[in-house]
Amino acid sequence: MAILEAQHLEKHFGSTQVLKDISFSLNQGEALSIIGSSGSGKTTLLRCLNFLEKPDSGTIRVRDELLFDADDPSTQLESEIRKKRLHFGLVFQSFNLFPQYTALQNVTLARELIAKERGGESREEILAAGEALLEQMGLADRAGHYPHQLSGGQQQRVAIARALAMQPDILCFDEPTSALDPELTGEVLRVIRNLAEQKTTMIIVTHEMAFARDVADEVIFMDDGVIVEQGPSKEVIDNPQEERTRQFLSRYSET
């Protein structure tokens, strides 16, 4: 069953068209990797799905609910967009943790603010959930540490816990290891692999080709704002059908 359906998404920045008629779907419990060269539109696509950018055309549905229609202004009200953004959790390249807050506070802050606004959860419940997520990330002993006291890999794992704390329908990663030293990359990839094994619905923009092949159910290869090829991860990466895909993957000897 498709949890996400994106249809005919397009995005311009000035005279430059960054996304060109992008359509794809994602099933519940699946992991989708998006690969491609820098500037191919991968991050812009994620930002459009998270409503950090507004597509110029197209529609976005989650669980059959129309979240965005470029032709329908009623789907673009900022007060509504903030709520719709909660369907997606986004883990950034550069962690984006609040330096003045501890790891646990970073994880629980947004959920506490929503609870104050809407009610429903006690602070104790939110803190317990945050502590459980940090334990899941292997960071139970770092709950009281501030970002500057954590390694890059630990900061990224806090960022993953923060995204999971909002209980999103879809967890999105934008090059989650690109800001890490090579020796720290493995710990973050292990966390994402575990999430995939738990059937967490995910979209992962990554340059780690072997990881995309082994962990993702489906892969999309983007180039110059279009989807060049998509399909089961092992088929696309091990036996690409499009010449442009083959050229891109030939740079990665590990595949």
C-alpha atoms as a PDB file:
ATOM      1  CA  MET A   1       0.000   0.000   0.000  1.00  0.00           C
ATOM      2  CA  ALA A   2       1.405   3.378  -1.004  1.00  0.00           C
ATOM      3  CA  ILE A   3       1.888   5.658   1.975  1.00  0.00           C
ATOM      4  CA  LEU A   4       3.310   8.473  -0.182  1.00  0.00           C
ATOM      5  CA  GLU A   5       2.370   9.512  -3.696  1.00  0.00           C
ATOM      6  CA  ALA A   6       4.128  12.412  -5.390  1.00  0.00           C
ATOM      7  CA  GLN A   7       2.834  13.314  -8.827  1.00  0.00           C
ATOM      8  CA  HIS A   8       4.259  15.658 -11.471  1.00  0.00           C
ATOM      9  CA  LEU A   9       6.359  17.746  -9.075  1.00  0.00           C
ATOM     10  CA  GLU A  10       8.243  20.637 -10.634  1.00  0.00           C
ATOM     11  CA  LYS A  11      10.357  23.335  -9.036  1.00  0.00           C
ATOM     12  CA  HIS A  12      12.069  26.413 -10.452  1.00  0.00           C
ATOM     13  CA  PHE A  13      14.573  28.744  -8.842  1.00  0.00           C
ATOM     14  CA  GLY A  14      14.389  31.786 -11.080  1.00  0.00           C
ATOM     15  CA  SER A  15      14.930  30.626 -14.635  1.00  0.00           C
ATOM     16  CA  THR A  16      16.504  27.323 -13.538  1.00  0.00           C
ATOM     17  CA  GLN A  17      14.215  24.301 -13.422  1.00  0.00           C
ATOM     18  CA  VAL A  18      15.504  22.006 -10.687  1.00  0.00           C
ATOM     19  CA  LEU A  19      12.729  19.385 -10.661  1.00  0.00           C
ATOM     20  CA  LYS A  20      11.082  18.268 -13.901  1.00  0.00           C
ATOM     21  CA  ASP A  21       7.867  16.253 -13.720  1.00  0.00           C
ATOM     22  CA  ILE A  22       8.869  14.029 -10.771  1.00  0.00           C
ATOM     23  CA  SER A  23       6.428  11.219  -9.959  1.00  0.00           C
ATOM     24  CA  PHE A  24       6.948   8.268  -7.605  1.00  0.00           C
ATOM     25  CA  SER A  25       5.307   6.390  -4.758  1.00  0.00           C
ATOM     26  CA  LEU A  26       6.540   4.773  -1.554  1.00  0.00           C
ATOM     27  CA  ASN A  27       4.964   1.845   0.251  1.00  0.00           C
ATOM     28  CA  GLN A  28       4.485   1.525   3.996  1.00  0.00           C
ATOM     29  CA  GLY A  29       7.544  -0.011   5.652  1.00  0.00           C
ATOM     30  CA  GLU A  30       9.849   0.406   2.674  1.00  0.00           C
ATOM     31  CA  ALA A  31      13.125   2.266   2.366  1.00  0.00           C
ATOM     32  CA  LEU A  32      13.735   4.307  -0.784  1.00  0.00           C
ATOM     33  CA  SER A  33      17.209   5.577  -1.659  1.00  0.00           C
ATOM     34  CA  ILE A  34      17.662   8.524  -4.000  1.00  0.00           C
ATOM     35  CA  ILE A  35      21.042   8.686  -5.705  1.00  0.00           C
ATOM     36  CA  GLY A  36      22.589  11.036  -8.238  1.00  0.00           C
ATOM     37  CA  SER A  37      25.274  13.629  -8.767  1.00  0.00           C
ATOM     38  CA  SER A  38      25.420  16.910  -6.882  1.00  0.00           C
ATOM     39  CA  GLY A  39      22.910  19.309  -8.398  1.00  0.00           C
ATOM     40  CA  SER A  40      20.625  16.593  -9.737  1.00  0.00           C
ATOM     41  CA  GLY A  41      17.678  17.753  -7.589  1.00  0.00           C
ATOM     42  CA  LYS A  42      17.777  15.171  -4.790  1.00  0.00           C
ATOM     43  CA  THR A  43      17.821  17.592  -1.862  1.00  0.00           C
ATOM     44  CA  THR A  44      15.296  19.908  -3.497  1.00  0.00           C
ATOM     45  CA  LEU A  45      12.934  16.962  -3.840  1.00  0.00           C
ATOM     46  CA  LEU A  46      13.282  16.164  -0.134  1.00  0.00           C
ATOM     47  CA  ARG A  47      12.715  19.816   0.770  1.00  0.00           C
ATOM     48  CA  CYS A  48       9.568  19.888  -1.355  1.00  0.00           C
ATOM     49  CA  LEU A  49       8.248  16.749   0.337  1.00  0.00           C
ATOM     50  CA  ASN A  50       8.892  18.369   3.732  1.00  0.00           C
ATOM     51  CA  PHE A  51       7.325  21.662   2.596  1.00  0.00           C
ATOM     52  CA  LEU A  52      10.556  23.555   3.172  1.00  0.00           C
ATOM     53  CA  GLU A  53      10.189  24.479  -0.500  1.00  0.00           C
ATOM     54  CA  LYS A  54       6.902  24.918  -2.354  1.00  0.00           C
ATOM     55  CA  PRO A  55       6.655  22.995  -5.634  1.00  0.00           C
ATOM     56  CA  ASP A  56       5.544  25.042  -8.636  1.00  0.00           C
ATOM     57  CA  SER A  57       3.332  22.214  -9.839  1.00  0.00           C
ATOM     58  CA  GLY A  58       2.232  18.765  -8.783  1.00  0.00           C
ATOM     59  CA  THR A  59       0.577  17.032  -5.844  1.00  0.00           C
ATOM     60  CA  ILE A  60       1.703  15.264  -2.674  1.00  0.00           C
ATOM     61  CA  ARG A  61      -0.478  12.702  -0.874  1.00  0.00           C
ATOM     62  CA  VAL A  62       0.224  10.805   2.356  1.00  0.00           C
ATOM     63  CA  ARG A  63      -2.093   7.960   3.342  1.00  0.00           C
ATOM     64  CA  ASP A  64      -4.487   9.080   0.572  1.00  0.00           C
ATOM     65  CA  GLU A  65      -4.764  12.551   2.131  1.00  0.00           C
ATOM     66  CA  LEU A  66      -4.032  15.405  -0.271  1.00  0.00           C
ATOM     67  CA  LEU A  67      -1.365  17.459   1.497  1.00  0.00           C
ATOM     68  CA  PHE A  68      -0.359  19.704  -1.381  1.00  0.00           C
ATOM     69  CA  ASP A  69      -1.755  20.706  -4.751  1.00  0.00           C
ATOM     70  CA  ALA A  70       0.054  23.492  -6.582  1.00  0.00           C
ATOM     71  CA  ASP A  71      -3.254  24.455  -8.197  1.00  0.00           C
ATOM     72  CA  ASP A  72      -5.178  24.619  -4.915  1.00  0.00           C
ATOM     73  CA  PRO A  73      -4.242  27.572  -2.658  1.00  0.00           C
ATOM     74  CA  SER A  74      -6.192  26.052   0.235  1.00  0.00           C
ATOM     75  CA  THR A  75      -3.507  23.360   0.543  1.00  0.00           C
ATOM     76  CA  GLN A  76      -0.773  25.979   0.851  1.00  0.00           C
ATOM     77  CA  LEU A  77      -1.838  27.915   3.957  1.00  0.00           C
ATOM     78  CA  GLU A  78       1.174  28.297   6.246  1.00  0.00           C
ATOM     79  CA  SER A  79      -0.840  27.325   9.329  1.00  0.00           C
ATOM     80  CA  GLU A  80      -1.769  24.057   7.615  1.00  0.00           C
ATOM     81  CA  ILE A  81       1.697  23.448   6.159  1.00  0.00           C
ATOM     82  CA  ARG A  82       3.190  23.363   9.666  1.00  0.00           C
ATOM     83  CA  LYS A  83       0.838  20.524  10.592  1.00  0.00           C
ATOM     84  CA  LYS A  84       1.419  18.658   7.329  1.00  0.00           C
ATOM     85  CA  ARG A  85       5.168  18.849   7.875  1.00  0.00           C
ATOM     86  CA  LEU A  86       4.698  16.535  10.859  1.00  0.00           C
ATOM     87  CA  HIS A  87       4.061  13.661   8.438  1.00  0.00           C
ATOM     88  CA  PHE A  88       7.767  13.808   7.593  1.00  0.00           C
ATOM     89  CA  GLY A  89      10.841  13.690   9.793  1.00  0.00           C
ATOM     90  CA  LEU A  90      13.958  15.205   8.251  1.00  0.00           C
ATOM     91  CA  VAL A  91      17.543  14.458   9.256  1.00  0.00           C
ATOM     92  CA  PHE A  92      19.889  17.064   7.815  1.00  0.00           C
ATOM     93  CA  GLN A  93      23.467  16.701   6.566  1.00  0.00           C
ATOM     94  CA  SER A  94      24.862  18.981   9.257  1.00  0.00           C
ATOM     95  CA  PHE A  95      22.834  17.733  12.266  1.00  0.00           C
ATOM     96  CA  ASN A  96      21.271  21.178  13.045  1.00  0.00           C
ATOM     97  CA  LEU A  97      21.104  20.483  16.779  1.00  0.00           C
ATOM     98  CA  PHE A  98      20.431  23.373  19.150  1.00  0.00           C
ATOM     99  CA  PRO A  99      23.808  23.989  20.844  1.00  0.00           C
ATOM    100  CA  GLN A 100      22.239  25.399  24.030  1.00  0.00           C
ATOM    101  CA  TYR A 101      20.254  22.230  24.717  1.00  0.00           C
ATOM    102  CA  THR A 102      21.338  18.787  25.872  1.00  0.00           C
ATOM    103  CA  ALA A 103      20.887  15.713  23.707  1.00  0.00           C
ATOM    104  CA  LEU A 104      17.669  14.816  25.534  1.00  0.00           C
ATOM    105  CA  GLN A 105      16.341  18.365  25.286  1.00  0.00           C
ATOM    106  CA  ASN A 106      17.051  18.409  21.553  1.00  0.00           C
ATOM    107  CA  VAL A 107      15.045  15.199  21.171  1.00  0.00           C
ATOM    108  CA  THR A 108      12.052  16.291  23.259  1.00  0.00           C
ATOM    109  CA  LEU A 109      11.795  20.040  22.547  1.00  0.00           C
ATOM    110  CA  ALA A 110       9.427  19.993  19.564  1.00  0.00           C
ATOM    111  CA  ARG A 111       7.176  17.379  21.122  1.00  0.00           C
ATOM    112  CA  GLU A 112       6.980  19.402  24.335  1.00  0.00           C
ATOM    113  CA  LEU A 113       6.035  22.547  22.416  1.00  0.00           C
ATOM    114  CA  ILE A 114       3.267  20.712  20.577  1.00  0.00           C
ATOM    115  CA  ALA A 115       2.000  19.209  23.841  1.00  0.00           C
ATOM    116  CA  LYS A 116       1.794  22.697  25.372  1.00  0.00           C
ATOM    117  CA  GLU A 117      -0.133  23.927  22.354  1.00  0.00           C
ATOM    118  CA  ARG A 118      -2.481  20.966  21.910  1.00  0.00           C
ATOM    119  CA  GLY A 119      -2.288  18.993  25.145  1.00  0.00           C
ATOM    120  CA  GLY A 120      -2.471  15.222  25.334  1.00  0.00           C
ATOM    121  CA  GLU A 121       0.987  14.234  26.592  1.00  0.00           C
ATOM    122  CA  SER A 122       2.613  14.912  29.927  1.00  0.00           C
ATOM    123  CA  ARG A 123       6.197  16.129  30.144  1.00  0.00           C
ATOM    124  CA  GLU A 124       7.110  12.915  31.951  1.00  0.00           C
ATOM    125  CA  GLU A 125       5.777  10.819  29.069  1.00  0.00           C
ATOM    126  CA  ILE A 126       7.701  12.890  26.525  1.00  0.00           C
ATOM    127  CA  LEU A 127      10.941  12.658  28.522  1.00  0.00           C
ATOM    128  CA  ALA A 128      10.550   8.893  28.897  1.00  0.00           C
ATOM    129  CA  ALA A 129      10.000   8.552  25.139  1.00  0.00           C
ATOM    130  CA  GLY A 130      13.056  10.713  24.466  1.00  0.00           C
ATOM    131  CA  GLU A 131      15.223   8.645  26.793  1.00  0.00           C
ATOM    132  CA  ALA A 132      14.024   5.452  25.090  1.00  0.00           C
ATOM    133  CA  LEU A 133      14.947   6.863  21.672  1.00  0.00           C
ATOM    134  CA  LEU A 134      18.430   7.847  22.853  1.00  0.00           C
ATOM    135  CA  GLU A 135      18.848   4.336  24.231  1.00  0.00           C
ATOM    136  CA  GLN A 136      17.768   2.961  20.848  1.00  0.00           C
ATOM    137  CA  MET A 137      20.486   5.106  19.260  1.00  0.00           C
ATOM    138  CA  GLY A 138      23.085   3.773  21.714  1.00  0.00           C
ATOM    139  CA  LEU A 139      23.275   7.137  23.496  1.00  0.00           C
ATOM    140  CA  ALA A 140      21.594   6.483  26.848  1.00  0.00           C
ATOM    141  CA  ASP A 141      24.735   7.700  28.633  1.00  0.00           C
ATOM    142  CA  ARG A 142      24.871  10.921  26.590  1.00  0.00           C
ATOM    143  CA  ALA A 143      21.407  12.305  27.405  1.00  0.00           C
ATOM    144  CA  GLY A 144      22.819  15.164  29.474  1.00  0.00           C
ATOM    145  CA  HIS A 145      25.621  16.063  27.068  1.00  0.00           C
ATOM    146  CA  TYR A 146      25.553  19.163  24.891  1.00  0.00           C
ATOM    147  CA  PRO A 147      26.262  18.928  21.135  1.00  0.00           C
ATOM    148  CA  HIS A 148      29.810  20.230  21.493  1.00  0.00           C
ATOM    149  CA  GLN A 149      30.519  17.335  23.855  1.00  0.00           C
ATOM    150  CA  LEU A 150      29.465  14.761  21.247  1.00  0.00           C
ATOM    151  CA  SER A 151      31.232  13.379  18.195  1.00  0.00           C
ATOM    152  CA  GLY A 152      29.764  14.013  14.770  1.00  0.00           C
ATOM    153  CA  GLY A 153      28.351  10.503  14.648  1.00  0.00           C
ATOM    154  CA  GLN A 154      26.765  10.930  18.054  1.00  0.00           C
ATOM    155  CA  GLN A 155      25.269  14.279  17.023  1.00  0.00           C
ATOM    156  CA  GLN A 156      23.752  12.714  13.932  1.00  0.00           C
ATOM    157  CA  ARG A 157      22.264   9.903  16.013  1.00  0.00           C
ATOM    158  CA  VAL A 158      20.701  12.524  18.317  1.00  0.00           C
ATOM    159  CA  ALA A 159      19.287  14.187  15.183  1.00  0.00           C
ATOM    160  CA  ILE A 160      17.782  10.853  14.099  1.00  0.00           C
ATOM    161  CA  ALA A 161      16.229  10.394  17.558  1.00  0.00           C
ATOM    162  CA  ARG A 162      14.830  13.933  17.357  1.00  0.00           C
ATOM    163  CA  ALA A 163      13.174  13.182  14.015  1.00  0.00           C
ATOM    164  CA  LEU A 164      11.755   9.885  15.306  1.00  0.00           C
ATOM    165  CA  ALA A 165      10.382  11.608  18.419  1.00  0.00           C
ATOM    166  CA  MET A 166       7.712  13.286  16.293  1.00  0.00           C
ATOM    167  CA  GLN A 167       6.503   9.854  15.140  1.00  0.00           C
ATOM    168  CA  PRO A 168       6.495  10.788  11.449  1.00  0.00           C
ATOM    169  CA  ASP A 169       4.900   8.659   8.763  1.00  0.00           C
ATOM    170  CA  ILE A 170       8.072   8.945   6.695  1.00  0.00           C
ATOM    171  CA  LEU A 171      11.628   9.529   7.910  1.00  0.00           C
ATOM    172  CA  CYS A 172      13.811  11.430   5.432  1.00  0.00           C
ATOM    173  CA  PHE A 173      17.607  11.584   5.388  1.00  0.00           C
ATOM    174  CA  ASP A 174      19.556  14.145   3.369  1.00  0.00           C
ATOM    175  CA  GLU A 175      23.073  12.731   2.888  1.00  0.00           C
ATOM    176  CA  PRO A 176      23.210  11.696   6.566  1.00  0.00           C
ATOM    177  CA  THR A 177      26.914  10.778   6.507  1.00  0.00           C
ATOM    178  CA  SER A 178      28.324  13.496   4.243  1.00  0.00           C
ATOM    179  CA  ALA A 179      29.466  15.703   7.157  1.00  0.00           C
ATOM    180  CA  LEU A 180      31.107  12.831   9.037  1.00  0.00           C
ATOM    181  CA  ASP A 181      34.665  11.591   9.139  1.00  0.00           C
ATOM    182  CA  PRO A 182      34.899   8.167   7.468  1.00  0.00           C
ATOM    183  CA  GLU A 183      35.418   6.339  10.757  1.00  0.00           C
ATOM    184  CA  LEU A 184      32.122   7.770  12.105  1.00  0.00           C
ATOM    185  CA  THR A 185      30.045   6.967   9.025  1.00  0.00           C
ATOM    186  CA  GLY A 186      29.551   3.312   9.970  1.00  0.00           C
ATOM    187  CA  GLU A 187      27.806   4.030  13.273  1.00  0.00           C
ATOM    188  CA  VAL A 188      25.159   6.185  11.578  1.00  0.00           C
ATOM    189  CA  LEU A 189      24.662   3.706   8.743  1.00  0.00           C
ATOM    190  CA  ARG A 190      24.170   0.933  11.305  1.00  0.00           C
ATOM    191  CA  VAL A 191      21.358   2.923  12.934  1.00  0.00           C
ATOM    192  CA  ILE A 192      19.647   3.462   9.572  1.00  0.00           C
ATOM    193  CA  ARG A 193      20.093  -0.215   8.718  1.00  0.00           C
ATOM    194  CA  ASN A 194      18.419  -1.162  12.002  1.00  0.00           C
ATOM    195  CA  LEU A 195      15.525   1.192  11.243  1.00  0.00           C
ATOM    196  CA  ALA A 196      15.113  -0.460   7.839  1.00  0.00           C
ATOM    197  CA  GLU A 197      15.046  -3.884   9.498  1.00  0.00           C
ATOM    198  CA  GLN A 198      12.275  -2.558  11.771  1.00  0.00           C
ATOM    199  CA  LYS A 199      10.330  -1.570   8.613  1.00  0.00           C
ATOM    200  CA  THR A 200      10.556   2.164   9.248  1.00  0.00           C
ATOM    201  CA  THR A 201       9.309   3.973   6.129  1.00  0.00           C
ATOM    202  CA  MET A 202      12.272   6.024   4.885  1.00  0.00           C
ATOM    203  CA  ILE A 203      13.596   8.129   2.030  1.00  0.00           C
ATOM    204  CA  ILE A 204      17.394   8.284   2.040  1.00  0.00           C
ATOM    205  CA  VAL A 205      19.359  10.634  -0.172  1.00  0.00           C
ATOM    206  CA  THR A 206      22.827   9.100  -0.093  1.00  0.00           C
ATOM    207  CA  HIS A 207      26.152   8.801  -1.887  1.00  0.00           C
ATOM    208  CA  GLU A 208      26.825   5.442  -0.206  1.00  0.00           C
ATOM    209  CA  MET A 209      26.069   3.129  -3.129  1.00  0.00           C
ATOM    210  CA  ALA A 210      26.749  -0.190  -1.378  1.00  0.00           C
ATOM    211  CA  PHE A 211      24.537   0.922   1.503  1.00  0.00           C
ATOM    212  CA  ALA A 212      21.742   1.956  -0.866  1.00  0.00           C
ATOM    213  CA  ARG A 213      21.928  -1.391  -2.637  1.00  0.00           C
ATOM    214  CA  ASP A 214      21.920  -3.482   0.543  1.00  0.00           C
ATOM    215  CA  VAL A 215      19.470  -1.532   2.725  1.00  0.00           C
ATOM    216  CA  ALA A 216      16.935   0.141   0.426  1.00  0.00           C
ATOM    217  CA  ASP A 217      14.026  -1.704  -1.135  1.00  0.00           C
ATOM    218  CA  GLU A 218      13.870   0.716  -4.075  1.00  0.00           C
ATOM    219  CA  VAL A 219      16.315   3.146  -5.671  1.00  0.00           C
ATOM    220  CA  ILE A 220      15.681   6.264  -7.732  1.00  0.00           C
ATOM    221  CA  PHE A 221      18.516   7.655  -9.830  1.00  0.00           C
ATOM    222  CA  MET A 222      18.115  11.367 -10.589  1.00  0.00           C
ATOM    223  CA  ASP A 223      20.010  13.454 -13.101  1.00  0.00           C
ATOM    224  CA  ASP A 224      19.394  17.050 -14.149  1.00  0.00           C
ATOM    225  CA  GLY A 225      16.083  17.226 -12.302  1.00  0.00           C
ATOM    226  CA  VAL A 226      14.489  14.089 -13.742  1.00  0.00           C
ATOM    227  CA  ILE A 227      14.120  10.483 -12.619  1.00  0.00           C
ATOM    228  CA  VAL A 228      16.293   8.582 -15.069  1.00  0.00           C
ATOM    229  CA  GLU A 229      15.768   5.137 -13.580  1.00  0.00           C
ATOM    230  CA  GLN A 230      13.936   3.571 -10.666  1.00  0.00           C
ATOM    231  CA  GLY A 231      13.345   0.069  -9.430  1.00  0.00           C
ATOM    232  CA  PRO A 232      14.464  -2.556  -6.893  1.00  0.00           C
ATOM    233  CA  SER A 233      17.759  -1.416  -5.387  1.00  0.00           C
ATOM    234  CA  LYS A 234      19.881  -4.399  -6.330  1.00  0.00           C
ATOM    235  CA  GLU A 235      18.577  -4.386  -9.908  1.00  0.00           C
ATOM    236  CA  VAL A 236      19.211  -0.682 -10.460  1.00  0.00           C
ATOM    237  CA  ILE A 237      22.656  -0.614  -8.866  1.00  0.00           C
ATOM    238  CA  ASP A 238      23.951  -4.001 -10.033  1.00  0.00           C
ATOM    239  CA  ASN A 239      22.334  -4.010 -13.469  1.00  0.00           C
ATOM    240  CA  PRO A 240      21.302  -0.479 -14.523  1.00  0.00           C
ATOM    241  CA  GLN A 241      19.319  -0.246 -17.742  1.00  0.00           C
ATOM    242  CA  GLU A 242      19.998   3.388 -18.627  1.00  0.00           C
ATOM    243  CA  GLU A 243      23.358   4.553 -19.973  1.00  0.00           C
ATOM    244  CA  ARG A 244      23.369   7.634 -17.753  1.00  0.00           C
ATOM    245  CA  THR A 245      22.870   5.425 -14.686  1.00  0.00           C
ATOM    246  CA  ARG A 246      25.724   3.175 -15.776  1.00  0.00           C
ATOM    247  CA  GLN A 247      28.011   6.180 -16.216  1.00  0.00           C
ATOM    248  CA  PHE A 248      27.170   7.469 -12.742  1.00  0.00           C
ATOM    249  CA  LEU A 249      27.618   4.092 -11.017  1.00  0.00           C
ATOM    250  CA  SER A 250      30.901   3.375 -12.820  1.00  0.00           C
ATOM    251  CA  ARG A 251      32.532   5.909 -10.485  1.00  0.00           C
ATOM    252  CA  TYR A 252      31.786   3.697  -7.484  1.00  0.00           C
ATOM    253  CA  SER A 253      34.090   0.701  -7.533  1.00  0.00           C
ATOM    254  CA  GLU A 254      32.426  -0.774  -4.467  1.00  0.00           C
ATOM    255  CA  THR A 255      29.307  -1.512  -6.493  1.00  0.00           C
END
